[in-house]
Amino acid sequence: MATFPVINLQNLNGEERAATMEQIKDACENWGFFEVLNHGFPHDFLDTVERLTKEHYKKCMEQRFKELVASKALEGLEAEVTDMDWESTFFLRHLPESNMAEIPDLTDDYREVMKEFAVKLEKLAEELLDLLCENLGLEKGYLKKAFYGAKGPTFGTKVSNYPPCPTPDKIKGLRAHTDAGGIILLFQDPLVGGLQLLKDGEWVDVPPLRHSIVINLGDQLEVITNGKYKSVEHRVIAQTNGARMSIASFYNPGSDAVIYPAPQLVEEEKKQTYPKFVFEDYMKLYAGLKFQAKEPRFEAMKAMETTAPIATA
């Protein structure tokens, strides 16, 4: 089994640039996931994000999880639970408008740190999209522009904790799915694992690595690249020991952005495999089908496209 790709972004600045770009290309084409180091985030800053996130869970979320999820999930448990996940979450929206001020229970310190974290993540997402453009032979800024819509991209963060689970064989931390959006940046627990991706029919662990950011590609990048890059199914396995922190930030198209394969990549393939659609329409469909295969979602969008063609400016 090939080793999960870990890429040192510092090597983009020297003689190893070509080899590093090749590593990123291979990861996008064959894994849909990779882990980056030396990404420009100070280590002490990431340590603060981790500390404040874990403190917030303990103080504000743990009891709620026990009452709402744990008791319900474990009640008379015999068969595997397939309609819920062993996770405690809350969501922060950054773009087009922040909801940070409306989230209750966040300390001022935590709010400020998460604001700063979002700014840094947005910058890294856009830098990574340009590296993907370079590897794909697309002009710089093509993917950012494709995501833009009328008000810019949609960008938000899902903050999750996966507490220890007494029956990990009966319930997943998070059921298998692909991500609907664009590019996803994950800051995960440095010690407790559980994230797995499906590669060549086998589940592969995404290794916890202190101060790394895990990158994965969403369905929209599969469409825009005309299938050259693929979104990959992944899941979280609940653990009996240790709580796992996960902070996943989703840099997605604007709700009104029209998504379609890049004409240049269609030309190379000599056929357009994927549909053209408005991102918001895809998300409405995804909401009910998240834990099912992505291919029927693409087919459904294709059927919509033939009945109601989308005009693009």
Protein backbone atom coordinates (compact mmCIF):
# COMPACT_ATOMS: atom_id res chain seq x y z
CA MET A 1 0.00 0.00 0.00
CA ALA A 2 1.38 3.42 -0.99
CA THR A 3 2.17 5.87 1.83
CA PHE A 4 -0.30 8.66 2.55
CA PRO A 5 1.09 11.84 0.91
CA VAL A 6 2.64 14.38 3.28
CA ILE A 7 3.92 17.48 1.46
CA ASN A 8 6.34 20.11 2.74
CA LEU A 9 5.14 23.40 1.21
CA GLN A 10 8.44 25.08 2.09
CA ASN A 11 10.01 23.09 -0.76
CA LEU A 12 7.99 25.14 -3.28
CA ASN A 13 10.48 27.97 -2.73
CA GLY A 14 13.65 26.25 -3.91
CA GLU A 15 15.20 23.64 -6.14
CA GLU A 16 12.64 21.05 -5.08
CA ARG A 17 9.68 23.01 -6.48
CA ALA A 18 9.15 20.77 -9.52
CA ALA A 19 9.26 17.59 -7.40
CA THR A 20 6.87 19.12 -4.85
CA MET A 21 4.41 20.18 -7.56
CA GLU A 22 4.59 16.60 -8.87
CA GLN A 23 3.79 15.30 -5.36
CA ILE A 24 0.72 17.59 -5.21
CA LYS A 25 -0.35 16.46 -8.70
CA ASP A 26 -0.04 12.79 -7.77
CA ALA A 27 -1.96 13.34 -4.52
CA CYS A 28 -4.80 15.12 -6.36
CA GLU A 29 -5.00 12.49 -9.12
CA ASN A 30 -4.60 9.34 -7.02
CA TRP A 31 -5.64 10.17 -3.46
CA GLY A 32 -7.98 13.19 -3.36
CA PHE A 33 -6.27 13.90 -0.02
CA PHE A 34 -2.86 15.08 1.19
CA GLU A 35 -1.34 16.54 4.34
CA VAL A 36 0.72 19.76 4.29
CA LEU A 37 3.52 20.94 6.59
CA ASN A 38 5.25 24.35 6.73
CA HIS A 39 2.07 25.99 5.52
CA GLY A 40 2.75 29.37 7.14
CA PHE A 41 0.74 28.88 10.38
CA PRO A 42 2.90 29.45 13.49
CA HIS A 43 2.95 26.31 15.63
CA ASP A 44 2.10 28.19 18.82
CA PHE A 45 -0.96 29.65 17.08
CA LEU A 46 -2.19 26.14 16.13
CA ASP A 47 -1.55 25.00 19.71
CA THR A 48 -3.80 27.85 20.91
CA VAL A 49 -6.57 26.89 18.45
CA GLU A 50 -6.39 23.30 19.72
CA ARG A 51 -6.37 24.28 23.40
CA LEU A 52 -9.30 26.70 23.12
CA THR A 53 -11.34 24.24 21.00
CA LYS A 54 -10.89 21.46 23.55
CA GLU A 55 -11.67 23.81 26.44
CA HIS A 56 -14.84 24.96 24.69
CA TYR A 57 -15.99 21.37 24.14
CA LYS A 58 -15.42 20.44 27.79
CA LYS A 59 -17.17 23.52 29.11
CA CYS A 60 -20.04 23.97 26.64
CA MET A 61 -20.59 20.86 24.51
CA GLU A 62 -19.70 17.71 26.45
CA GLN A 63 -22.78 17.56 28.66
CA ARG A 64 -25.06 18.34 25.71
CA PHE A 65 -23.46 15.51 23.73
CA LYS A 66 -24.06 13.04 26.56
CA GLU A 67 -27.71 14.06 26.83
CA LEU A 68 -28.58 14.34 23.13
CA VAL A 69 -26.34 11.92 21.25
CA ALA A 70 -24.80 9.37 23.58
CA SER A 71 -28.01 8.38 25.37
CA LYS A 72 -30.00 8.16 22.10
CA ALA A 73 -27.29 6.27 20.18
CA LEU A 74 -26.70 3.66 22.88
CA GLU A 75 -30.33 3.08 23.83
CA GLY A 76 -31.16 -0.62 23.37
CA LEU A 77 -28.33 -0.88 20.86
CA GLU A 78 -28.22 -4.18 18.95
CA ALA A 79 -27.77 -3.46 15.25
CA GLU A 80 -25.42 -0.87 13.72
CA VAL A 81 -26.69 2.72 13.91
CA THR A 82 -26.90 4.11 10.36
CA ASP A 83 -28.89 7.33 10.83
CA MET A 84 -26.66 9.33 13.17
CA ASP A 85 -23.00 10.05 13.95
CA TRP A 86 -20.97 9.91 17.17
CA GLU A 87 -19.89 13.55 16.99
CA SER A 88 -20.46 16.88 18.69
CA THR A 89 -20.37 19.85 16.30
CA PHE A 90 -20.99 23.53 15.74
CA PHE A 91 -20.60 25.62 12.58
CA LEU A 92 -18.92 28.97 11.95
CA ARG A 93 -19.64 30.92 8.77
CA HIS A 94 -16.93 33.30 7.50
CA LEU A 95 -17.92 34.26 3.93
CA PRO A 96 -19.86 35.91 2.39
CA GLU A 97 -20.86 37.10 5.89
CA SER A 98 -19.57 35.99 9.28
CA ASN A 99 -21.92 34.59 11.93
CA MET A 100 -19.16 34.48 14.55
CA ALA A 101 -20.80 37.14 16.72
CA GLU A 102 -24.04 35.13 16.86
CA ILE A 103 -22.52 31.87 18.14
CA PRO A 104 -23.30 31.59 21.86
CA ASP A 105 -20.85 30.39 24.52
CA LEU A 106 -17.65 31.35 22.68
CA THR A 107 -15.17 33.22 24.86
CA ASP A 108 -13.76 36.47 23.44
CA ASP A 109 -10.34 34.82 23.13
CA TYR A 110 -11.73 31.87 21.19
CA ARG A 111 -13.78 34.12 18.91
CA GLU A 112 -10.75 36.25 18.04
CA VAL A 113 -8.49 33.25 17.47
CA MET A 114 -11.05 31.57 15.18
CA LYS A 115 -11.44 34.82 13.20
CA GLU A 116 -7.69 34.96 12.67
CA PHE A 117 -7.60 31.23 11.85
CA ALA A 118 -10.28 31.74 9.17
CA VAL A 119 -8.28 34.55 7.51
CA LYS A 120 -5.16 32.35 7.39
CA LEU A 121 -7.11 29.36 6.07
CA GLU A 122 -8.78 31.42 3.34
CA LYS A 123 -5.35 32.59 2.16
CA LEU A 124 -3.97 29.03 2.19
CA ALA A 125 -7.03 27.71 0.30
CA GLU A 126 -6.52 30.29 -2.46
CA GLU A 127 -2.78 29.56 -2.65
CA LEU A 128 -3.52 25.83 -2.98
CA LEU A 129 -6.15 26.45 -5.68
CA ASP A 130 -3.51 28.33 -7.69
CA LEU A 131 -1.07 25.41 -7.30
CA LEU A 132 -3.82 23.13 -8.64
CA CYS A 133 -4.34 25.55 -11.57
CA GLU A 134 -0.62 25.39 -12.34
CA ASN A 135 -0.65 21.58 -12.36
CA LEU A 136 -3.80 21.49 -14.50
CA GLY A 137 -2.44 23.98 -17.04
CA LEU A 138 -5.19 26.48 -16.18
CA GLU A 139 -4.45 30.19 -15.87
CA LYS A 140 -3.65 31.44 -12.38
CA GLY A 141 -6.84 32.40 -10.55
CA TYR A 142 -9.11 30.22 -12.73
CA LEU A 143 -10.46 28.10 -9.84
CA LYS A 144 -10.94 31.07 -7.52
CA LYS A 145 -12.88 32.83 -10.29
CA ALA A 146 -14.93 29.68 -10.99
CA PHE A 147 -15.96 29.65 -7.30
CA TYR A 148 -16.67 33.36 -7.12
CA GLY A 149 -20.36 33.93 -7.94
CA ALA A 150 -21.80 37.40 -7.33
CA LYS A 151 -20.56 37.81 -3.73
CA GLY A 152 -17.42 35.71 -3.68
CA PRO A 153 -16.94 32.18 -2.31
CA THR A 154 -18.75 30.52 0.58
CA PHE A 155 -16.39 29.71 3.40
CA GLY A 156 -17.20 28.09 6.72
CA THR A 157 -15.83 25.84 9.47
CA LYS A 158 -17.27 22.76 11.12
CA VAL A 159 -15.79 22.32 14.60
CA SER A 160 -16.19 18.71 15.76
CA ASN A 161 -15.26 16.59 18.71
CA TYR A 162 -15.50 12.80 18.66
CA PRO A 163 -15.69 11.61 22.29
CA PRO A 164 -14.61 8.11 23.35
CA CYS A 165 -17.22 5.60 22.22
CA PRO A 166 -17.98 2.32 24.04
CA THR A 167 -19.31 0.63 20.87
CA PRO A 168 -17.27 1.79 17.83
CA ASP A 169 -18.37 -1.33 15.91
CA LYS A 170 -22.00 -0.16 16.14
CA ILE A 171 -21.75 3.55 15.27
CA LYS A 172 -19.42 5.65 13.11
CA GLY A 173 -17.90 8.91 14.30
CA LEU A 174 -18.99 10.19 10.87
CA ARG A 175 -20.53 8.00 8.16
CA ALA A 176 -18.79 7.62 4.79
CA HIS A 177 -19.34 10.48 2.30
CA THR A 178 -17.62 12.74 -0.19
CA ASP A 179 -17.58 16.50 0.46
CA ALA A 180 -19.92 18.52 -1.73
CA GLY A 181 -17.85 21.68 -2.00
CA GLY A 182 -14.49 22.90 -3.28
CA ILE A 183 -11.32 22.49 -1.23
CA ILE A 184 -11.36 21.41 2.41
CA LEU A 185 -8.69 22.26 4.99
CA LEU A 186 -8.68 20.15 8.15
CA PHE A 187 -6.80 20.82 11.36
CA GLN A 188 -7.15 17.56 13.27
CA ASP A 189 -6.18 16.13 16.62
CA PRO A 190 -2.42 15.48 16.74
CA LEU A 191 -2.76 12.28 18.79
CA VAL A 192 -6.16 10.63 18.33
CA GLY A 193 -6.79 9.19 14.85
CA GLY A 194 -9.96 7.92 13.22
CA LEU A 195 -10.17 9.66 9.84
CA GLN A 196 -10.01 7.20 6.93
CA LEU A 197 -10.30 7.53 3.15
CA LEU A 198 -11.30 4.92 0.59
CA LYS A 199 -8.48 4.09 -1.84
CA ASP A 200 -8.60 1.22 -4.33
CA GLY A 201 -11.43 -0.39 -2.35
CA GLU A 202 -9.60 -0.26 1.01
CA TRP A 203 -9.95 2.10 3.97
CA VAL A 204 -6.67 3.93 4.62
CA ASP A 205 -5.87 5.90 7.80
CA VAL A 206 -5.11 9.62 7.50
CA PRO A 207 -2.29 9.85 10.05
CA PRO A 208 -2.54 12.39 12.88
CA LEU A 209 0.49 14.66 12.55
CA ARG A 210 1.08 17.60 14.87
CA HIS A 211 0.81 21.05 13.22
CA SER A 212 -0.21 19.65 9.83
CA ILE A 213 -3.24 20.66 7.75
CA VAL A 214 -5.04 17.89 5.86
CA ILE A 215 -6.35 18.90 2.43
CA ASN A 216 -9.08 17.11 0.50
CA LEU A 217 -10.93 17.84 -2.71
CA GLY A 218 -14.70 18.19 -2.93
CA ASP A 219 -17.21 17.28 -5.65
CA GLN A 220 -16.97 20.72 -7.31
CA LEU A 221 -13.28 20.27 -8.11
CA GLU A 222 -14.09 16.89 -9.66
CA VAL A 223 -16.63 18.63 -11.92
CA ILE A 224 -14.40 21.59 -12.87
CA THR A 225 -11.44 19.29 -13.64
CA ASN A 226 -13.77 17.06 -15.72
CA GLY A 227 -12.84 14.11 -13.51
CA LYS A 228 -9.06 14.58 -13.69
CA TYR A 229 -9.15 15.07 -9.91
CA LYS A 230 -11.71 13.15 -7.84
CA SER A 231 -13.47 13.77 -4.54
CA VAL A 232 -12.88 10.74 -2.35
CA GLU A 233 -15.13 8.94 0.11
CA HIS A 234 -14.00 9.27 3.73
CA ARG A 235 -15.30 8.52 7.22
CA VAL A 236 -14.42 8.85 10.90
CA ILE A 237 -14.14 5.71 13.01
CA ALA A 238 -15.19 6.25 16.62
CA GLN A 239 -12.45 5.41 19.15
CA THR A 240 -12.79 3.76 22.55
CA ASN A 241 -9.91 5.82 23.98
CA GLY A 242 -9.36 9.55 23.71
CA ALA A 243 -11.50 12.36 22.29
CA ARG A 244 -10.60 13.47 18.75
CA MET A 245 -10.75 17.14 17.73
CA SER A 246 -11.49 18.05 14.11
CA ILE A 247 -11.72 21.56 12.63
CA ALA A 248 -12.72 21.29 8.96
CA SER A 249 -12.94 24.47 6.88
CA PHE A 250 -14.78 24.38 3.55
CA TYR A 251 -13.77 26.83 0.82
CA ASN A 252 -16.75 26.42 -1.51
CA PRO A 253 -18.26 28.19 -4.52
CA GLY A 254 -20.68 31.06 -3.92
CA SER A 255 -24.28 29.83 -3.83
CA ASP A 256 -25.03 31.38 -7.26
CA ALA A 257 -21.76 30.28 -8.91
CA VAL A 258 -22.29 28.27 -12.10
CA ILE A 259 -20.08 25.17 -11.98
CA TYR A 260 -19.00 23.31 -15.11
CA PRO A 261 -15.91 21.55 -16.49
CA ALA A 262 -13.09 23.89 -17.56
CA PRO A 263 -13.32 24.04 -21.39
CA GLN A 264 -9.55 23.52 -21.71
CA LEU A 265 -9.77 20.23 -19.78
CA VAL A 266 -12.81 19.08 -21.78
CA GLU A 267 -10.78 19.67 -24.95
CA GLU A 268 -7.95 17.52 -23.62
CA GLU A 269 -10.31 14.67 -22.74
CA LYS A 270 -12.31 15.16 -25.95
CA LYS A 271 -15.54 14.74 -23.99
CA GLN A 272 -17.45 16.51 -21.22
CA THR A 273 -18.26 13.95 -18.56
CA TYR A 274 -19.84 16.27 -16.01
CA PRO A 275 -22.88 18.58 -15.95
CA LYS A 276 -23.23 22.35 -15.63
CA PHE A 277 -25.26 23.59 -12.65
CA VAL A 278 -25.72 26.30 -10.03
CA PHE A 279 -23.85 25.36 -6.83
CA GLU A 280 -26.88 26.06 -4.60
CA ASP A 281 -28.95 23.53 -6.60
CA TYR A 282 -26.28 20.90 -6.05
CA MET A 283 -26.24 21.62 -2.31
CA LYS A 284 -30.02 21.22 -2.07
CA LEU A 285 -29.69 17.78 -3.65
CA TYR A 286 -26.65 16.88 -1.50
CA ALA A 287 -28.46 17.75 1.73
CA GLY A 288 -30.67 14.68 1.39
CA LEU A 289 -28.10 12.37 -0.22
CA LYS A 290 -24.84 13.17 1.61
CA PHE A 291 -24.21 9.60 2.76
CA GLN A 292 -24.90 8.06 -0.65
CA ALA A 293 -22.70 7.68 -3.73
CA LYS A 294 -21.87 10.91 -5.60
CA GLU A 295 -22.44 9.55 -9.13
CA PRO A 296 -26.28 9.66 -8.93
CA ARG A 297 -25.98 13.29 -7.75
CA PHE A 298 -24.00 14.16 -10.88
CA GLU A 299 -26.55 12.27 -13.02
CA ALA A 300 -29.44 14.14 -11.38
CA MET A 301 -27.75 17.48 -12.11
CA LYS A 302 -27.18 16.34 -15.70
CA ALA A 303 -30.90 15.55 -16.04
CA MET A 304 -31.77 19.00 -14.66
CA GLU A 305 -29.37 20.58 -17.12
CA THR A 306 -31.07 18.97 -20.13
CA THR A 307 -34.50 20.16 -19.03
CA ALA A 308 -33.44 23.68 -18.04
CA PRO A 309 -30.15 24.85 -19.62
CA ILE A 310 -28.22 27.40 -17.55
CA ALA A 311 -27.15 30.65 -19.10
CA THR A 312 -23.69 31.91 -18.22
CA ALA A 313 -22.53 35.45 -18.60
